N, C-alpha and C. Protein backbone atom coordinates (compact mmCIF):
# COMPACT_ATOMS: atom_id res chain seq x y z
N MET A 1 -15.52 9.23 39.58
CA MET A 1 -14.05 9.50 39.62
C MET A 1 -13.48 8.80 40.85
N ARG A 2 -14.12 8.95 42.04
CA ARG A 2 -13.71 8.26 43.28
C ARG A 2 -13.49 6.88 43.06
N GLU A 3 -14.45 6.19 42.48
CA GLU A 3 -14.38 4.77 42.23
C GLU A 3 -13.00 4.31 41.43
N GLN A 4 -12.81 5.06 40.34
CA GLN A 4 -11.69 4.84 39.56
C GLN A 4 -10.36 4.99 40.37
N ILE A 5 -10.28 6.09 41.04
CA ILE A 5 -9.10 6.30 41.90
C ILE A 5 -8.94 5.18 42.85
N LEU A 6 -9.98 4.66 43.52
CA LEU A 6 -9.77 3.53 44.47
C LEU A 6 -9.44 2.34 43.67
N LYS A 7 -9.90 2.09 42.46
CA LYS A 7 -9.44 0.84 41.83
C LYS A 7 -7.96 1.15 41.52
N ASP A 8 -7.46 2.22 41.12
CA ASP A 8 -6.10 2.41 40.82
C ASP A 8 -5.25 2.11 42.02
N ILE A 9 -5.72 2.67 43.19
CA ILE A 9 -4.98 2.49 44.40
C ILE A 9 -4.99 1.03 44.65
N ASP A 10 -6.01 0.31 44.57
CA ASP A 10 -6.04 -1.04 44.89
C ASP A 10 -5.10 -1.89 44.03
N ALA A 11 -5.07 -1.51 42.79
CA ALA A 11 -4.11 -2.18 41.81
C ALA A 11 -2.69 -1.95 42.15
N PHE A 12 -2.39 -0.66 42.52
CA PHE A 12 -1.03 -0.20 42.88
C PHE A 12 -0.56 -0.94 44.07
N VAL A 13 -1.33 -0.97 45.19
CA VAL A 13 -0.82 -1.62 46.38
C VAL A 13 -0.70 -3.08 46.22
N ALA A 14 -1.50 -3.66 45.37
CA ALA A 14 -1.48 -5.19 45.09
C ALA A 14 -0.20 -5.54 44.37
N ARG A 15 0.26 -4.68 43.45
CA ARG A 15 1.49 -4.86 42.69
C ARG A 15 2.66 -4.67 43.57
N LYS A 16 2.60 -3.69 44.35
CA LYS A 16 3.69 -3.34 45.27
C LYS A 16 3.73 -4.15 46.48
N GLY A 17 2.71 -4.87 46.83
CA GLY A 17 2.78 -5.64 48.07
C GLY A 17 2.79 -4.86 49.29
N ILE A 18 2.08 -3.69 49.30
CA ILE A 18 1.94 -2.81 50.54
C ILE A 18 0.56 -2.60 50.86
N SER A 19 0.30 -2.09 51.96
CA SER A 19 -1.08 -1.81 52.27
C SER A 19 -1.48 -0.37 51.87
N ALA A 20 -2.72 -0.01 51.80
CA ALA A 20 -3.18 1.26 51.34
C ALA A 20 -2.77 2.25 52.50
N ARG A 21 -2.76 1.72 53.73
CA ARG A 21 -2.30 2.66 54.73
C ARG A 21 -0.89 3.01 54.52
N THR A 22 0.05 2.15 54.10
CA THR A 22 1.37 2.49 53.89
C THR A 22 1.54 3.43 52.76
N LEU A 23 0.77 3.12 51.72
CA LEU A 23 0.75 4.15 50.52
C LEU A 23 0.31 5.56 50.97
N SER A 24 -0.68 5.55 51.79
CA SER A 24 -1.26 6.81 52.37
C SER A 24 -0.15 7.49 53.12
N VAL A 25 0.59 6.89 53.95
CA VAL A 25 1.70 7.50 54.75
C VAL A 25 2.81 7.89 53.72
N LEU A 26 3.28 7.15 52.88
CA LEU A 26 4.40 7.38 51.89
C LEU A 26 4.03 8.60 51.07
N ALA A 27 2.83 8.68 50.60
CA ALA A 27 2.43 9.77 49.65
C ALA A 27 1.91 10.99 50.30
N THR A 28 1.35 10.93 51.42
CA THR A 28 0.79 12.13 52.06
C THR A 28 1.21 12.43 53.43
N GLY A 29 1.73 11.38 54.20
CA GLY A 29 2.15 11.55 55.50
C GLY A 29 0.89 11.37 56.43
N ASP A 30 -0.17 11.01 55.87
CA ASP A 30 -1.48 10.92 56.56
C ASP A 30 -1.94 9.52 56.45
N SER A 31 -1.83 8.73 57.62
CA SER A 31 -2.16 7.30 57.56
C SER A 31 -3.57 7.10 57.35
N GLY A 32 -4.49 7.97 57.58
CA GLY A 32 -5.90 7.80 57.36
C GLY A 32 -6.47 8.39 56.10
N PHE A 33 -5.71 8.90 55.32
CA PHE A 33 -6.15 9.56 54.09
C PHE A 33 -7.03 8.56 53.14
N ILE A 34 -6.42 7.43 52.75
CA ILE A 34 -7.14 6.50 51.82
C ILE A 34 -8.39 6.04 52.46
N SER A 35 -8.21 5.70 53.81
CA SER A 35 -9.50 5.19 54.58
C SER A 35 -10.56 6.16 54.47
N ARG A 36 -10.36 7.51 54.66
CA ARG A 36 -11.35 8.60 54.50
C ARG A 36 -11.77 8.62 53.09
N LEU A 37 -11.00 8.38 52.13
CA LEU A 37 -11.41 8.50 50.70
C LEU A 37 -12.37 7.27 50.54
N ARG A 38 -11.97 6.08 50.97
CA ARG A 38 -12.84 4.92 50.76
C ARG A 38 -14.22 5.08 51.42
N SER A 39 -14.30 5.75 52.52
CA SER A 39 -15.46 5.78 53.33
C SER A 39 -16.46 6.94 52.79
N GLY A 40 -15.98 7.62 51.82
CA GLY A 40 -16.84 8.71 51.15
C GLY A 40 -16.64 10.04 51.82
N LYS A 41 -15.76 10.24 52.82
CA LYS A 41 -15.67 11.57 53.42
C LYS A 41 -14.83 12.46 52.43
N ASN A 42 -15.08 13.66 52.74
CA ASN A 42 -14.26 14.81 51.98
C ASN A 42 -12.75 14.49 52.28
N VAL A 43 -12.19 14.79 51.12
CA VAL A 43 -10.63 14.81 51.24
C VAL A 43 -10.03 15.86 50.43
N THR A 44 -8.86 16.36 50.75
CA THR A 44 -8.32 17.46 49.95
C THR A 44 -7.83 17.08 48.62
N LEU A 45 -7.95 17.92 47.72
CA LEU A 45 -7.41 17.79 46.45
C LEU A 45 -5.99 17.66 46.34
N ASP A 46 -5.24 18.40 47.20
CA ASP A 46 -3.83 18.37 47.37
C ASP A 46 -3.29 16.89 47.65
N LYS A 47 -3.91 16.27 48.74
CA LYS A 47 -3.40 15.01 49.08
C LYS A 47 -3.87 13.99 48.04
N LEU A 48 -5.01 14.06 47.42
CA LEU A 48 -5.30 13.22 46.43
C LEU A 48 -4.31 13.22 45.14
N GLU A 49 -3.96 14.50 44.83
CA GLU A 49 -2.89 14.51 43.79
C GLU A 49 -1.58 14.01 44.25
N ARG A 50 -1.26 14.09 45.48
CA ARG A 50 0.03 13.52 45.91
C ARG A 50 0.00 12.12 45.94
N VAL A 51 -1.12 11.34 46.20
CA VAL A 51 -1.19 9.98 46.02
C VAL A 51 -1.11 9.66 44.55
N GLN A 52 -1.85 10.18 43.70
CA GLN A 52 -1.73 9.87 42.21
C GLN A 52 -0.35 10.16 41.79
N GLN A 53 0.37 11.29 42.20
CA GLN A 53 1.73 11.49 41.64
C GLN A 53 2.67 10.46 42.15
N TYR A 54 2.61 10.04 43.47
CA TYR A 54 3.35 9.01 44.04
C TYR A 54 3.22 7.71 43.22
N MET A 55 2.08 7.33 42.85
CA MET A 55 1.76 6.10 42.22
C MET A 55 2.39 6.16 40.90
N HIS A 56 2.22 7.33 40.08
CA HIS A 56 2.73 7.52 38.66
C HIS A 56 4.22 7.44 38.75
N GLU A 57 4.88 8.16 39.69
CA GLU A 57 6.37 8.10 39.73
C GLU A 57 6.97 6.71 40.01
N ASN A 58 6.27 5.98 40.99
CA ASN A 58 6.63 4.72 41.39
C ASN A 58 6.43 3.59 40.27
N ASN A 59 5.46 3.81 39.55
CA ASN A 59 5.08 2.88 38.44
C ASN A 59 6.26 3.02 37.35
N ARG A 60 6.48 4.27 37.05
CA ARG A 60 7.48 4.68 35.95
C ARG A 60 8.75 4.15 36.28
N ARG A 61 9.31 4.35 37.65
CA ARG A 61 10.56 3.88 38.01
C ARG A 61 10.88 2.42 37.87
N ASN A 62 9.84 1.67 38.01
CA ASN A 62 9.87 0.18 37.86
C ASN A 62 9.95 -0.30 36.31
N ARG A 63 9.47 0.57 35.45
CA ARG A 63 9.56 0.31 34.11
C ARG A 63 10.93 0.48 33.43
N LEU A 64 11.68 1.32 34.07
CA LEU A 64 13.04 1.61 33.46
C LEU A 64 14.00 0.55 33.64
């Protein structure tokens, strides 16, 4: 699951031209969240869901 989420994050930031750190701040207010996720450390489900929701909402907006 972690690997797929990281692939989704990588694809999203590449499409948007932003860094993972920027996505982390925009979605969670925590600049180190995605870095901790990448390094295999424990992360909260709440923040993970916020990142996924942010990506979903921003992908959808660009399709309209």
